[in-house]
Amino acid sequence: RRMEAEALYRQGEIARLHAEHDAALESYSQALALNQQLGRQAEIAV
């Protein structure tokens, strides 16, 4: 799940830079939910 959150965040970054904001929002939100479950504060901030 840690690596999954990392991959989701990276996908969100790429989608955001392509102005694919719905896709970016979905990826960031999924990554945030995973990191909140894992208690990873630094990644939550990211």
ModelCIF file with pLDDT and N, C-alpha, C, O atoms, coordinates in Angstrom:
data_MODEL
#
_entry.id   MODEL 
#
_entity.id                         1 
_entity.type                       polymer 
_entity.pdbx_number_of_molecules   1 
#
_entity_poly.entity_id                      1 
_entity_poly.type                           'polypeptide(L)' 
_entity_poly.nstd_linkage                   no 
_entity_poly.nstd_monomer                   no 
_entity_poly.pdbx_seq_one_letter_code       RRMEAEALYRQGEIARLHAEHDAALESYSQALALNQQLGRQAEIAV 
_entity_poly.pdbx_seq_one_letter_code_can   RRMEAEALYRQGEIARLHAEHDAALESYSQALALNQQLGRQAEIAV 
_entity_poly.pdbx_strand_id                 A 
#
loop_
_entity_poly_seq.entity_id 
_entity_poly_seq.num 
_entity_poly_seq.mon_id 
_entity_poly_seq.hetero 
1 1  ARG n 
1 2  ARG n 
1 3  MET n 
1 4  GLU n 
1 5  ALA n 
1 6  GLU n 
1 7  ALA n 
1 8  LEU n 
1 9  TYR n 
1 10 ARG n 
1 11 GLN n 
1 12 GLY n 
1 13 GLU n 
1 14 ILE n 
1 15 ALA n 
1 16 ARG n 
1 17 LEU n 
1 18 HIS n 
1 19 ALA n 
1 20 GLU n 
1 21 HIS n 
1 22 ASP n 
1 23 ALA n 
1 24 ALA n 
1 25 LEU n 
1 26 GLU n 
1 27 SER n 
1 28 TYR n 
1 29 SER n 
1 30 GLN n 
1 31 ALA n 
1 32 LEU n 
1 33 ALA n 
1 34 LEU n 
1 35 ASN n 
1 36 GLN n 
1 37 GLN n 
1 38 LEU n 
1 39 GLY n 
1 40 ARG n 
1 41 GLN n 
1 42 ALA n 
1 43 GLU n 
1 44 ILE n 
1 45 ALA n 
1 46 VAL n 
#
_struct_asym.id          A 
_struct_asym.entity_id   1 
#
loop_
_ma_qa_metric.id 
_ma_qa_metric.mode 
_ma_qa_metric.name 
_ma_qa_metric.software_group_id 
_ma_qa_metric.type 
1 global pLDDT . pLDDT 
2 local  pLDDT . pLDDT 
#
_ma_qa_metric_global.metric_id      1 
_ma_qa_metric_global.metric_value   93.20 
_ma_qa_metric_global.model_id       1 
_ma_qa_metric_global.ordinal_id     1 
#
loop_
_ma_qa_metric_local.label_asym_id 
_ma_qa_metric_local.label_comp_id 
_ma_qa_metric_local.label_seq_id 
_ma_qa_metric_local.metric_id 
_ma_qa_metric_local.metric_value 
_ma_qa_metric_local.model_id 
_ma_qa_metric_local.ordinal_id 
A ARG 1  2 95.00 1 1  
A ARG 2  2 94.00 1 2  
A MET 3  2 93.00 1 3  
A GLU 4  2 96.00 1 4  
A ALA 5  2 96.00 1 5  
A GLU 6  2 92.00 1 6  
A ALA 7  2 93.00 1 7  
A LEU 8  2 96.00 1 8  
A TYR 9  2 94.00 1 9  
A ARG 10 2 91.00 1 10 
A GLN 11 2 93.00 1 11 
A GLY 12 2 94.00 1 12 
A GLU 13 2 90.00 1 13 
A ILE 14 2 87.00 1 14 
A ALA 15 2 88.00 1 15 
A ARG 16 2 87.00 1 16 
A LEU 17 2 78.00 1 17 
A HIS 18 2 77.00 1 18 
A ALA 19 2 76.00 1 19 
A GLU 20 2 84.00 1 20 
A HIS 21 2 88.00 1 21 
A ASP 22 2 91.00 1 22 
A ALA 23 2 92.00 1 23 
A ALA 24 2 94.00 1 24 
A LEU 25 2 96.00 1 25 
A GLU 26 2 96.00 1 26 
A SER 27 2 96.00 1 27 
A TYR 28 2 97.00 1 28 
A SER 29 2 97.00 1 29 
A GLN 30 2 97.00 1 30 
A ALA 31 2 97.00 1 31 
A LEU 32 2 97.00 1 32 
A ALA 33 2 97.00 1 33 
A LEU 34 2 97.00 1 34 
A ASN 35 2 97.00 1 35 
A GLN 36 2 97.00 1 36 
A GLN 37 2 97.00 1 37 
A LEU 38 2 96.00 1 38 
A GLY 39 2 96.00 1 39 
A ARG 40 2 97.00 1 40 
A GLN 41 2 97.00 1 41 
A ALA 42 2 96.00 1 42 
A GLU 43 2 97.00 1 43 
A ILE 44 2 97.00 1 44 
A ALA 45 2 97.00 1 45 
A VAL 46 2 97.00 1 46 
#
loop_
_atom_site.group_PDB 
_atom_site.id 
_atom_site.type_symbol 
_atom_site.label_atom_id 
_atom_site.label_alt_id 
_atom_site.label_comp_id 
_atom_site.label_asym_id 
_atom_site.label_entity_id 
_atom_site.label_seq_id 
_atom_site.pdbx_PDB_ins_code 
_atom_site.Cartn_x 
_atom_site.Cartn_y 
_atom_site.Cartn_z 
_atom_site.occupancy 
_atom_site.B_iso_or_equiv 
_atom_site.pdbx_formal_charge 
_atom_site.auth_seq_id 
_atom_site.auth_comp_id 
_atom_site.auth_asym_id 
_atom_site.auth_atom_id 
_atom_site.pdbx_PDB_model_num 
ATOM 1   N N  . ARG A 1 1  ? 0.812   -1.216 0.000   1.00 95.00 ? 1  ARG A N  1 
ATOM 2   C CA . ARG A 1 1  ? 0.000   0.000  0.000   1.00 95.00 ? 1  ARG A CA 1 
ATOM 3   C C  . ARG A 1 1  ? 0.850   1.273  0.000   1.00 95.00 ? 1  ARG A C  1 
ATOM 4   O O  . ARG A 1 1  ? 0.450   2.297  -0.554  1.00 95.00 ? 1  ARG A O  1 
ATOM 5   N N  . ARG A 1 2  ? 2.023   1.195  0.626   1.00 94.00 ? 2  ARG A N  1 
ATOM 6   C CA . ARG A 1 2  ? 2.908   2.370  0.603   1.00 94.00 ? 2  ARG A CA 1 
ATOM 7   C C  . ARG A 1 2  ? 3.315   2.703  -0.821  1.00 94.00 ? 2  ARG A C  1 
ATOM 8   O O  . ARG A 1 2  ? 3.255   3.859  -1.240  1.00 94.00 ? 2  ARG A O  1 
ATOM 9   N N  . MET A 1 3  ? 3.729   1.688  -1.560  1.00 93.00 ? 3  MET A N  1 
ATOM 10  C CA . MET A 1 3  ? 4.142   1.917  -2.940  1.00 93.00 ? 3  MET A CA 1 
ATOM 11  C C  . MET A 1 3  ? 2.951   2.274  -3.822  1.00 93.00 ? 3  MET A C  1 
ATOM 12  O O  . MET A 1 3  ? 3.083   3.058  -4.762  1.00 93.00 ? 3  MET A O  1 
ATOM 13  N N  . GLU A 1 4  ? 1.794   1.702  -3.518  1.00 96.00 ? 4  GLU A N  1 
ATOM 14  C CA . GLU A 1 4  ? 0.588   2.049  -4.271  1.00 96.00 ? 4  GLU A CA 1 
ATOM 15  C C  . GLU A 1 4  ? 0.267   3.537  -4.110  1.00 96.00 ? 4  GLU A C  1 
ATOM 16  O O  . GLU A 1 4  ? -0.072  4.216  -5.079  1.00 96.00 ? 4  GLU A O  1 
ATOM 17  N N  . ALA A 1 5  ? 0.378   4.030  -2.883  1.00 96.00 ? 5  ALA A N  1 
ATOM 18  C CA . ALA A 1 5  ? 0.122   5.456  -2.638  1.00 96.00 ? 5  ALA A CA 1 
ATOM 19  C C  . ALA A 1 5  ? 1.114   6.322  -3.399  1.00 96.00 ? 5  ALA A C  1 
ATOM 20  O O  . ALA A 1 5  ? 0.748   7.363  -3.946  1.00 96.00 ? 5  ALA A O  1 
ATOM 21  N N  . GLU A 1 6  ? 2.366   5.891  -3.433  1.00 92.00 ? 6  GLU A N  1 
ATOM 22  C CA . GLU A 1 6  ? 3.386   6.635  -4.164  1.00 92.00 ? 6  GLU A CA 1 
ATOM 23  C C  . GLU A 1 6  ? 3.060   6.691  -5.656  1.00 92.00 ? 6  GLU A C  1 
ATOM 24  O O  . GLU A 1 6  ? 3.171   7.745  -6.283  1.00 92.00 ? 6  GLU A O  1 
ATOM 25  N N  . ALA A 1 7  ? 2.657   5.551  -6.218  1.00 93.00 ? 7  ALA A N  1 
ATOM 26  C CA . ALA A 1 7  ? 2.333   5.502  -7.645  1.00 93.00 ? 7  ALA A CA 1 
ATOM 27  C C  . ALA A 1 7  ? 1.101   6.352  -7.958  1.00 93.00 ? 7  ALA A C  1 
ATOM 28  O O  . ALA A 1 7  ? 1.059   7.034  -8.982  1.00 93.00 ? 7  ALA A O  1 
ATOM 29  N N  . LEU A 1 8  ? 0.107   6.311  -7.084  1.00 96.00 ? 8  LEU A N  1 
ATOM 30  C CA . LEU A 1 8  ? -1.093  7.125  -7.287  1.00 96.00 ? 8  LEU A CA 1 
ATOM 31  C C  . LEU A 1 8  ? -0.759  8.616  -7.262  1.00 96.00 ? 8  LEU A C  1 
ATOM 32  O O  . LEU A 1 8  ? -1.268  9.391  -8.071  1.00 96.00 ? 8  LEU A O  1 
ATOM 33  N N  . TYR A 1 9  ? 0.098   9.001  -6.330  1.00 94.00 ? 9  TYR A N  1 
ATOM 34  C CA . TYR A 1 9  ? 0.505   10.412 -6.267  1.00 94.00 ? 9  TYR A CA 1 
ATOM 35  C C  . TYR A 1 9  ? 1.217   10.824 -7.548  1.00 94.00 ? 9  TYR A C  1 
ATOM 36  O O  . TYR A 1 9  ? 0.959   11.900 -8.087  1.00 94.00 ? 9  TYR A O  1 
ATOM 37  N N  . ARG A 1 10 ? 2.114   9.969  -8.037  1.00 91.00 ? 10 ARG A N  1 
ATOM 38  C CA . ARG A 1 10 ? 2.848   10.304 -9.261  1.00 91.00 ? 10 ARG A CA 1 
ATOM 39  C C  . ARG A 1 10 ? 1.898   10.440 -10.441 1.00 91.00 ? 10 ARG A C  1 
ATOM 40  O O  . ARG A 1 10 ? 2.063   11.329 -11.277 1.00 91.00 ? 10 ARG A O  1 
ATOM 41  N N  . GLN A 1 11 ? 0.896   9.553  -10.509 1.00 93.00 ? 11 GLN A N  1 
ATOM 42  C CA . GLN A 1 11 ? -0.089  9.669  -11.575 1.00 93.00 ? 11 GLN A CA 1 
ATOM 43  C C  . GLN A 1 11 ? -0.868  10.978 -11.453 1.00 93.00 ? 11 GLN A C  1 
ATOM 44  O O  . GLN A 1 11 ? -1.181  11.620 -12.456 1.00 93.00 ? 11 GLN A O  1 
ATOM 45  N N  . GLY A 1 12 ? -1.174  11.364 -10.224 1.00 94.00 ? 12 GLY A N  1 
ATOM 46  C CA . GLY A 1 12 ? -1.870  12.623 -10.012 1.00 94.00 ? 12 GLY A CA 1 
ATOM 47  C C  . GLY A 1 12 ? -1.057  13.811 -10.493 1.00 94.00 ? 12 GLY A C  1 
ATOM 48  O O  . GLY A 1 12 ? -1.594  14.729 -11.111 1.00 94.00 ? 12 GLY A O  1 
ATOM 49  N N  . GLU A 1 13 ? 0.247   13.792 -10.208 1.00 90.00 ? 13 GLU A N  1 
ATOM 50  C CA . GLU A 1 13 ? 1.121   14.881 -10.652 1.00 90.00 ? 13 GLU A CA 1 
ATOM 51  C C  . GLU A 1 13 ? 1.124   15.007 -12.164 1.00 90.00 ? 13 GLU A C  1 
ATOM 52  O O  . GLU A 1 13 ? 1.011   16.109 -12.702 1.00 90.00 ? 13 GLU A O  1 
ATOM 53  N N  . ILE A 1 14 ? 1.252   13.889 -12.844 1.00 87.00 ? 14 ILE A N  1 
ATOM 54  C CA . ILE A 1 14 ? 1.308   13.905 -14.305 1.00 87.00 ? 14 ILE A CA 1 
ATOM 55  C C  . ILE A 1 14 ? -0.021  14.372 -14.883 1.00 87.00 ? 14 ILE A C  1 
ATOM 56  O O  . ILE A 1 14 ? -0.049  15.179 -15.812 1.00 87.00 ? 14 ILE A O  1 
ATOM 57  N N  . ALA A 1 15 ? -1.129  13.860 -14.330 1.00 88.00 ? 15 ALA A N  1 
ATOM 58  C CA . ALA A 1 15 ? -2.444  14.277 -14.809 1.00 88.00 ? 15 ALA A CA 1 
ATOM 59  C C  . ALA A 1 15 ? -2.660  15.777 -14.586 1.00 88.00 ? 15 ALA A C  1 
ATOM 60  O O  . ALA A 1 15 ? -3.215  16.462 -15.445 1.00 88.00 ? 15 ALA A O  1 
ATOM 61  N N  . ARG A 1 16 ? -2.224  16.277 -13.439 1.00 87.00 ? 16 ARG A N  1 
ATOM 62  C CA . ARG A 1 16 ? -2.398  17.712 -13.155 1.00 87.00 ? 16 ARG A CA 1 
ATOM 63  C C  . ARG A 1 16 ? -1.655  18.566 -14.163 1.00 87.00 ? 16 ARG A C  1 
ATOM 64  O O  . ARG A 1 16 ? -2.185  19.576 -14.628 1.00 87.00 ? 16 ARG A O  1 
ATOM 65  N N  . LEU A 1 17 ? -0.441  18.179 -14.507 1.00 78.00 ? 17 LEU A N  1 
ATOM 66  C CA . LEU A 1 17 ? 0.343   18.954 -15.458 1.00 78.00 ? 17 LEU A CA 1 
ATOM 67  C C  . LEU A 1 17 ? -0.221  18.862 -16.872 1.00 78.00 ? 17 LEU A C  1 
ATOM 68  O O  . LEU A 1 17 ? 0.082   19.705 -17.716 1.00 78.00 ? 17 LEU A O  1 
ATOM 69  N N  . HIS A 1 18 ? -1.035  17.850 -17.135 1.00 77.00 ? 18 HIS A N  1 
ATOM 70  C CA . HIS A 1 18 ? -1.736  17.744 -18.414 1.00 77.00 ? 18 HIS A CA 1 
ATOM 71  C C  . HIS A 1 18 ? -3.113  18.404 -18.357 1.00 77.00 ? 18 HIS A C  1 
ATOM 72  O O  . HIS A 1 18 ? -3.890  18.324 -19.308 1.00 77.00 ? 18 HIS A O  1 
ATOM 73  N N  . ALA A 1 19 ? -3.407  19.059 -17.225 1.00 76.00 ? 19 ALA A N  1 
ATOM 74  C CA . ALA A 1 19 ? -4.704  19.704 -17.005 1.00 76.00 ? 19 ALA A CA 1 
ATOM 75  C C  . ALA A 1 19 ? -5.847  18.703 -16.998 1.00 76.00 ? 19 ALA A C  1 
ATOM 76  O O  . ALA A 1 19 ? -6.991  19.066 -17.275 1.00 76.00 ? 19 ALA A O  1 
ATOM 77  N N  . GLU A 1 20 ? -5.550  17.443 -16.683 1.00 84.00 ? 20 GLU A N  1 
ATOM 78  C CA . GLU A 1 20 ? -6.584  16.418 -16.527 1.00 84.00 ? 20 GLU A CA 1 
ATOM 79  C C  . GLU A 1 20 ? -6.979  16.405 -15.040 1.00 84.00 ? 20 GLU A C  1 
ATOM 80  O O  . GLU A 1 20 ? -6.597  15.513 -14.282 1.00 84.00 ? 20 GLU A O  1 
ATOM 81  N N  . HIS A 1 21 ? -7.745  17.411 -14.660 1.00 88.00 ? 21 HIS A N  1 
ATOM 82  C CA . HIS A 1 21 ? -7.937  17.685 -13.245 1.00 88.00 ? 21 HIS A CA 1 
ATOM 83  C C  . HIS A 1 21 ? -8.808  16.651 -12.541 1.00 88.00 ? 21 HIS A C  1 
ATOM 84  O O  . HIS A 1 21 ? -8.601  16.368 -11.361 1.00 88.00 ? 21 HIS A O  1 
ATOM 85  N N  . ASP A 1 22 ? -9.776  16.087 -13.249 1.00 91.00 ? 22 ASP A N  1 
ATOM 86  C CA . ASP A 1 22 ? -10.596 15.041 -12.625 1.00 91.00 ? 22 ASP A CA 1 
ATOM 87  C C  . ASP A 1 22 ? -9.735  13.825 -12.286 1.00 91.00 ? 22 ASP A C  1 
ATOM 88  O O  . ASP A 1 22 ? -9.835  13.259 -11.197 1.00 91.00 ? 22 ASP A O  1 
ATOM 89  N N  . ALA A 1 23 ? -8.884  13.436 -13.245 1.00 92.00 ? 23 ALA A N  1 
ATOM 90  C CA . ALA A 1 23 ? -8.001  12.289 -13.014 1.00 92.00 ? 23 ALA A CA 1 
ATOM 91  C C  . ALA A 1 23 ? -7.005  12.592 -11.899 1.00 92.00 ? 23 ALA A C  1 
ATOM 92  O O  . ALA A 1 23 ? -6.718  11.733 -11.065 1.00 92.00 ? 23 ALA A O  1 
ATOM 93  N N  . ALA A 1 24 ? -6.476  13.826 -11.888 1.00 94.00 ? 24 ALA A N  1 
ATOM 94  C CA . ALA A 1 24 ? -5.524  14.206 -10.837 1.00 94.00 ? 24 ALA A CA 1 
ATOM 95  C C  . ALA A 1 24 ? -6.197  14.172 -9.471  1.00 94.00 ? 24 ALA A C  1 
ATOM 96  O O  . ALA A 1 24 ? -5.628  13.673 -8.501  1.00 94.00 ? 24 ALA A O  1 
ATOM 97  N N  . LEU A 1 25 ? -7.411  14.707 -9.404  1.00 96.00 ? 25 LEU A N  1 
ATOM 98  C CA . LEU A 1 25 ? -8.148  14.732 -8.140  1.00 96.00 ? 25 LEU A CA 1 
ATOM 99  C C  . LEU A 1 25 ? -8.384  13.315 -7.622  1.00 96.00 ? 25 LEU A C  1 
ATOM 100 O O  . LEU A 1 25 ? -8.228  13.049 -6.431  1.00 96.00 ? 25 LEU A O  1 
ATOM 101 N N  . GLU A 1 26 ? -8.758  12.413 -8.520  1.00 96.00 ? 26 GLU A N  1 
ATOM 102 C CA . GLU A 1 26 ? -9.017  11.034 -8.115  1.00 96.00 ? 26 GLU A CA 1 
ATOM 103 C C  . GLU A 1 26 ? -7.748  10.368 -7.594  1.00 96.00 ? 26 GLU A C  1 
ATOM 104 O O  . GLU A 1 26 ? -7.773  9.703  -6.559  1.00 96.00 ? 26 GLU A O  1 
ATOM 105 N N  . SER A 1 27 ? -6.636  10.546 -8.312  1.00 96.00 ? 27 SER A N  1 
ATOM 106 C CA . SER A 1 27 ? -5.380  9.909  -7.900  1.00 96.00 ? 27 SER A CA 1 
ATOM 107 C C  . SER A 1 27 ? -4.888  10.470 -6.571  1.00 96.00 ? 27 SER A C  1 
ATOM 108 O O  . SER A 1 27 ? -4.504  9.714  -5.679  1.00 96.00 ? 27 SER A O  1 
ATOM 109 N N  . TYR A 1 28 ? -4.898  11.803 -6.437  1.00 97.00 ? 28 TYR A N  1 
ATOM 110 C CA . TYR A 1 28 ? -4.462  12.417 -5.173  1.00 97.00 ? 28 TYR A CA 1 
ATOM 111 C C  . TYR A 1 28 ? -5.332  11.962 -4.001  1.00 97.00 ? 28 TYR A C  1 
ATOM 112 O O  . TYR A 1 28 ? -4.825  11.675 -2.917  1.00 97.00 ? 28 TYR A O  1 
ATOM 113 N N  . SER A 1 29 ? -6.642  11.898 -4.230  1.00 97.00 ? 29 SER A N  1 
ATOM 114 C CA . SER A 1 29 ? -7.565  11.522 -3.154  1.00 97.00 ? 29 SER A CA 1 
ATOM 115 C C  . SER A 1 29 ? -7.338  10.085 -2.716  1.00 97.00 ? 29 SER A C  1 
ATOM 116 O O  . SER A 1 29 ? -7.358  9.784  -1.522  1.00 97.00 ? 29 SER A O  1 
ATOM 117 N N  . GLN A 1 30 ? -7.120  9.191  -3.686  1.00 97.00 ? 30 GLN A N  1 
ATOM 118 C CA . GLN A 1 30 ? -6.843  7.796  -3.342  1.00 97.00 ? 30 GLN A CA 1 
ATOM 119 C C  . GLN A 1 30 ? -5.528  7.683  -2.565  1.00 97.00 ? 30 GLN A C  1 
ATOM 120 O O  . GLN A 1 30 ? -5.434  6.946  -1.584  1.00 97.00 ? 30 GLN A O  1 
ATOM 121 N N  . ALA A 1 31 ? -4.508  8.434  -3.027  1.00 97.00 ? 31 ALA A N  1 
ATOM 122 C CA . ALA A 1 31 ? -3.222  8.410  -2.329  1.00 97.00 ? 31 ALA A CA 1 
ATOM 123 C C  . ALA A 1 31 ? -3.371  8.939  -0.910  1.00 97.00 ? 31 ALA A C  1 
ATOM 124 O O  . ALA A 1 31 ? -2.794  8.387  0.027   1.00 97.00 ? 31 ALA A O  1 
ATOM 125 N N  . LEU A 1 32 ? -4.145  10.008 -0.751  1.00 97.00 ? 32 LEU A N  1 
ATOM 126 C CA . LEU A 1 32 ? -4.360  10.595 0.571   1.00 97.00 ? 32 LEU A CA 1 
ATOM 127 C C  . LEU A 1 32 ? -5.045  9.594  1.501   1.00 97.00 ? 32 LEU A C  1 
ATOM 128 O O  . LEU A 1 32 ? -4.644  9.440  2.654   1.00 97.00 ? 32 LEU A O  1 
ATOM 129 N N  . ALA A 1 33 ? -6.071  8.919  1.003   1.00 97.00 ? 33 ALA A N  1 
ATOM 130 C CA . ALA A 1 33 ? -6.787  7.952  1.837   1.00 97.00 ? 33 ALA A CA 1 
ATOM 131 C C  . ALA A 1 33 ? -5.862  6.828  2.299   1.00 97.00 ? 33 ALA A C  1 
ATOM 132 O O  . ALA A 1 33 ? -5.909  6.415  3.458   1.00 97.00 ? 33 ALA A O  1 
ATOM 133 N N  . LEU A 1 34 ? -5.022  6.337  1.386   1.00 97.00 ? 34 LEU A N  1 
ATOM 134 C CA . LEU A 1 34 ? -4.076  5.276  1.742   1.00 97.00 ? 34 LEU A CA 1 
ATOM 135 C C  . LEU A 1 34 ? -3.086  5.759  2.798   1.00 97.00 ? 34 LEU A C  1 
ATOM 136 O O  . LEU A 1 34 ? -2.823  5.060  3.776   1.00 97.00 ? 34 LEU A O  1 
ATOM 137 N N  . ASN A 1 35 ? -2.541  6.951  2.598   1.00 97.00 ? 35 ASN A N  1 
ATOM 138 C CA . ASN A 1 35 ? -1.540  7.469  3.532   1.00 97.00 ? 35 ASN A CA 1 
ATOM 139 C C  . ASN A 1 35 ? -2.159  7.784  4.894   1.00 97.00 ? 35 ASN A C  1 
ATOM 140 O O  . ASN A 1 35 ? -1.492  7.652  5.920   1.00 97.00 ? 35 ASN A O  1 
ATOM 141 N N  . GLN A 1 36 ? -3.414  8.196  4.910   1.00 97.00 ? 36 GLN A N  1 
ATOM 142 C CA . GLN A 1 36 ? -4.087  8.419  6.191   1.00 97.00 ? 36 GLN A CA 1 
ATOM 143 C C  . GLN A 1 36 ? -4.265  7.096  6.937   1.00 97.00 ? 36 GLN A C  1 
ATOM 144 O O  . GLN A 1 36 ? -4.101  7.045  8.156   1.00 97.00 ? 36 GLN A O  1 
ATOM 145 N N  . GLN A 1 37 ? -4.599  6.030  6.213   1.00 97.00 ? 37 GLN A N  1 
ATOM 146 C CA . GLN A 1 37 ? -4.708  4.708  6.840   1.00 97.00 ? 37 GLN A CA 1 
ATOM 147 C C  . GLN A 1 37 ? -3.369  4.254  7.409   1.00 97.00 ? 37 GLN A C  1 
ATOM 148 O O  . GLN A 1 37 ? -3.307  3.613  8.458   1.00 97.00 ? 37 GLN A O  1 
ATOM 149 N N  . LEU A 1 38 ? -2.286  4.602  6.686   1.00 96.00 ? 38 LEU A N  1 
ATOM 150 C CA . LEU A 1 38 ? -0.950  4.174  7.094   1.00 96.00 ? 38 LEU A CA 1 
ATOM 151 C C  . LEU A 1 38 ? -0.320  5.126  8.112   1.00 96.00 ? 38 LEU A C  1 
ATOM 152 O O  . LEU A 1 38 ? 0.731   4.828  8.680   1.00 96.00 ? 38 LEU A O  1 
ATOM 153 N N  . GLY A 1 39 ? -0.968  6.277  8.340   1.00 96.00 ? 39 GLY A N  1 
ATOM 154 C CA . GLY A 1 39 ? -0.440  7.244  9.298   1.00 96.00 ? 39 GLY A CA 1 
ATOM 155 C C  . GLY A 1 39 ? 0.842   7.912  8.842   1.00 96.00 ? 39 GLY A C  1 
ATOM 156 O O  . GLY A 1 39 ? 1.674   8.276  9.673   1.00 96.00 ? 39 GLY A O  1 
ATOM 157 N N  . ARG A 1 40 ? 1.020   8.080  7.554   1.00 97.00 ? 40 ARG A N  1 
ATOM 158 C CA . ARG A 1 40 ? 2.263   8.672  7.006   1.00 97.00 ? 40 ARG A CA 1 
ATOM 159 C C  . ARG A 1 40 ? 2.055   10.178 6.858   1.00 97.00 ? 40 ARG A C  1 
ATOM 160 O O  . ARG A 1 40 ? 1.552   10.649 5.837   1.00 97.00 ? 40 ARG A O  1 
ATOM 161 N N  . GLN A 1 41 ? 2.448   10.925 7.887   1.00 97.00 ? 41 GLN A N  1 
ATOM 162 C CA . GLN A 1 41 ? 2.137   12.351 7.966   1.00 97.00 ? 41 GLN A CA 1 
ATOM 163 C C  . GLN A 1 41 ? 2.795   13.167 6.852   1.00 97.00 ? 41 GLN A C  1 
ATOM 164 O O  . GLN A 1 41 ? 2.166   14.054 6.275   1.00 97.00 ? 41 GLN A O  1 
ATOM 165 N N  . ALA A 1 42 ? 4.035   12.874 6.557   1.00 96.00 ? 42 ALA A N  1 
ATOM 166 C CA . ALA A 1 42 ? 4.732   13.636 5.516   1.00 96.00 ? 42 ALA A CA 1 
ATOM 167 C C  . ALA A 1 42 ? 4.041   13.450 4.168   1.00 96.00 ? 42 ALA A C  1 
ATOM 168 O O  . ALA A 1 42 ? 3.870   14.407 3.414   1.00 96.00 ? 42 ALA A O  1 
ATOM 169 N N  . GLU A 1 43 ? 3.647   12.215 3.871   1.00 97.00 ? 43 GLU A N  1 
ATOM 170 C CA . GLU A 1 43 ? 2.999   11.943 2.591   1.00 97.00 ? 43 GLU A CA 1 
ATOM 171 C C  . GLU A 1 43 ? 1.600   12.542 2.543   1.00 97.00 ? 43 GLU A C  1 
ATOM 172 O O  . GLU A 1 43 ? 1.134   12.970 1.487   1.00 97.00 ? 43 GLU A O  1 
ATOM 173 N N  . ILE A 1 44 ? 0.930   12.570 3.701   1.00 97.00 ? 44 ILE A N  1 
ATOM 174 C CA . ILE A 1 44 ? -0.382  13.227 3.759   1.00 97.00 ? 44 ILE A CA 1 
ATOM 175 C C  . ILE A 1 44 ? -0.244  14.697 3.364   1.00 97.00 ? 44 ILE A C  1 
ATOM 176 O O  . ILE A 1 44 ? -1.062  15.223 2.609   1.00 97.00 ? 44 ILE A O  1 
ATOM 177 N N  . ALA A 1 45 ? 0.789   15.350 3.878   1.00 97.00 ? 45 ALA A N  1 
ATOM 178 C CA . ALA A 1 45 ? 1.025   16.758 3.536   1.00 97.00 ? 45 ALA A CA 1 
ATOM 179 C C  . ALA A 1 45 ? 1.278   16.923 2.046   1.00 97.00 ? 45 ALA A C  1 
ATOM 180 O O  . ALA A 1 45 ? 0.800   17.879 1.434   1.00 97.00 ? 45 ALA A O  1 
ATOM 181 N N  . VAL A 1 46 ? 2.020   16.006 1.466   1.00 97.00 ? 46 VAL A N  1 
ATOM 182 C CA . VAL A 1 46 ? 2.296   16.067 0.027   1.00 97.00 ? 46 VAL A CA 1 
ATOM 183 C C  . VAL A 1 46 ? 1.001   15.931 -0.764  1.00 97.00 ? 46 VAL A C  1 
ATOM 184 O O  . VAL A 1 46 ? 1.022   15.958 -1.994  1.00 97.00 ? 46 VAL A O  1 
#
